[in-house]
Amino acid sequence: MSTKPAKLPPLDLSKWRKVPTLLIVVGAVVALLGFLVDRDHNQFASSWLVAFMFCLSICLGALFLVLAHHLFDAGWSVPIRRFSGC
């Protein structure tokens, strides 16, 4: 009986290469459509700013965790390393 694990073929993700660009274009079209359809442009701008700041706060929080990990060369961040991009 062999105890060696089966060797898996390399993962091919080339078919997913255009998905982020497609999502950016779709999001921009939907945002433009929402801007043109809605008569209250101040509400649209406020909503866009809140959504932008929400996404920015998540990214900056992850960046802080990565910087703290590298600054202290710590082992305490091992469980969260994959979530923050190390």
Protein backbone atom coordinates (compact mmCIF):
# COMPACT_ATOMS: atom_id res chain seq x y z
CA MET A 1 0.00 0.00 0.00
CA SER A 2 1.39 3.39 -1.01
CA THR A 3 1.33 6.32 1.41
CA LYS A 4 2.33 8.93 -1.17
CA PRO A 5 -0.39 11.46 -1.97
CA ALA A 6 -1.65 11.54 -5.55
CA LYS A 7 -0.06 14.29 -7.61
CA LEU A 8 -2.67 16.72 -8.92
CA PRO A 9 -2.35 18.48 -12.27
CA PRO A 10 -1.59 22.23 -12.14
CA LEU A 11 -4.62 24.46 -11.70
CA ASP A 12 -5.53 26.28 -14.92
CA LEU A 13 -7.20 29.62 -14.21
CA SER A 14 -6.69 31.18 -17.63
CA LYS A 15 -10.40 31.14 -18.42
CA TRP A 16 -11.07 33.40 -15.40
CA ARG A 17 -8.53 36.06 -16.42
CA LYS A 18 -11.10 38.47 -17.90
CA VAL A 19 -13.65 38.25 -15.07
CA PRO A 20 -12.31 41.19 -12.96
CA THR A 21 -12.25 43.50 -15.98
CA LEU A 22 -15.75 42.45 -16.94
CA LEU A 23 -17.01 43.11 -13.41
CA ILE A 24 -15.41 46.57 -13.39
CA VAL A 25 -17.07 47.46 -16.70
CA VAL A 26 -20.46 46.14 -15.55
CA GLY A 27 -20.16 48.09 -12.29
CA ALA A 28 -19.26 51.29 -14.13
CA VAL A 29 -22.21 50.88 -16.52
CA VAL A 30 -24.62 50.25 -13.63
CA ALA A 31 -23.26 53.27 -11.73
CA LEU A 32 -23.62 55.48 -14.81
CA LEU A 33 -27.14 54.18 -15.37
CA GLY A 34 -28.02 54.91 -11.74
CA PHE A 35 -26.61 58.41 -12.08
CA LEU A 36 -28.62 59.13 -15.22
CA VAL A 37 -31.91 57.61 -14.03
CA ASP A 38 -31.93 59.15 -10.56
CA ARG A 39 -32.91 62.82 -10.50
CA ASP A 40 -31.30 63.48 -7.11
CA HIS A 41 -27.60 63.58 -7.96
CA ASN A 42 -26.67 64.57 -4.40
CA GLN A 43 -28.12 61.30 -3.08
CA PHE A 44 -26.20 59.34 -5.72
CA ALA A 45 -22.95 61.09 -4.82
CA SER A 46 -23.50 60.49 -1.10
CA SER A 47 -24.29 56.81 -1.66
CA TRP A 48 -21.23 56.38 -3.88
CA LEU A 49 -19.02 58.04 -1.28
CA VAL A 50 -20.31 55.80 1.52
CA ALA A 51 -19.76 52.67 -0.59
CA PHE A 52 -16.27 53.85 -1.57
CA MET A 53 -15.29 54.56 2.03
CA PHE A 54 -16.62 51.18 3.16
CA CYS A 55 -14.46 49.33 0.62
CA LEU A 56 -11.48 51.57 1.38
CA SER A 57 -11.76 50.88 5.12
CA ILE A 58 -11.67 47.11 4.52
CA CYS A 59 -8.58 47.47 2.31
CA LEU A 60 -6.79 49.77 4.74
CA GLY A 61 -7.58 47.43 7.65
CA ALA A 62 -6.05 44.51 5.76
CA LEU A 63 -3.03 46.66 4.89
CA PHE A 64 -2.59 47.56 8.56
CA LEU A 65 -2.58 43.89 9.53
CA VAL A 66 0.03 43.10 6.88
CA LEU A 67 2.21 46.02 7.99
CA ALA A 68 1.95 45.04 11.67
CA HIS A 69 2.85 41.46 10.80
CA HIS A 70 5.97 42.50 8.89
CA LEU A 71 6.94 45.20 11.39
CA PHE A 72 6.98 42.86 14.39
CA ASP A 73 7.93 39.71 12.45
CA ALA A 74 5.29 38.05 14.54
CA GLY A 75 3.90 34.55 14.72
CA TRP A 76 0.57 35.68 16.20
CA SER A 77 -0.72 36.66 12.75
CA VAL A 78 -0.43 33.20 11.21
CA PRO A 79 -4.21 32.48 11.38
CA ILE A 80 -5.08 35.76 9.62
CA ARG A 81 -2.20 35.82 7.14
CA ARG A 82 -4.21 34.37 4.28
CA PHE A 83 -7.07 36.79 4.73
CA SER A 84 -4.91 39.90 4.63
CA GLY A 85 -2.78 39.09 1.61
CA CYS A 86 0.61 38.08 3.07
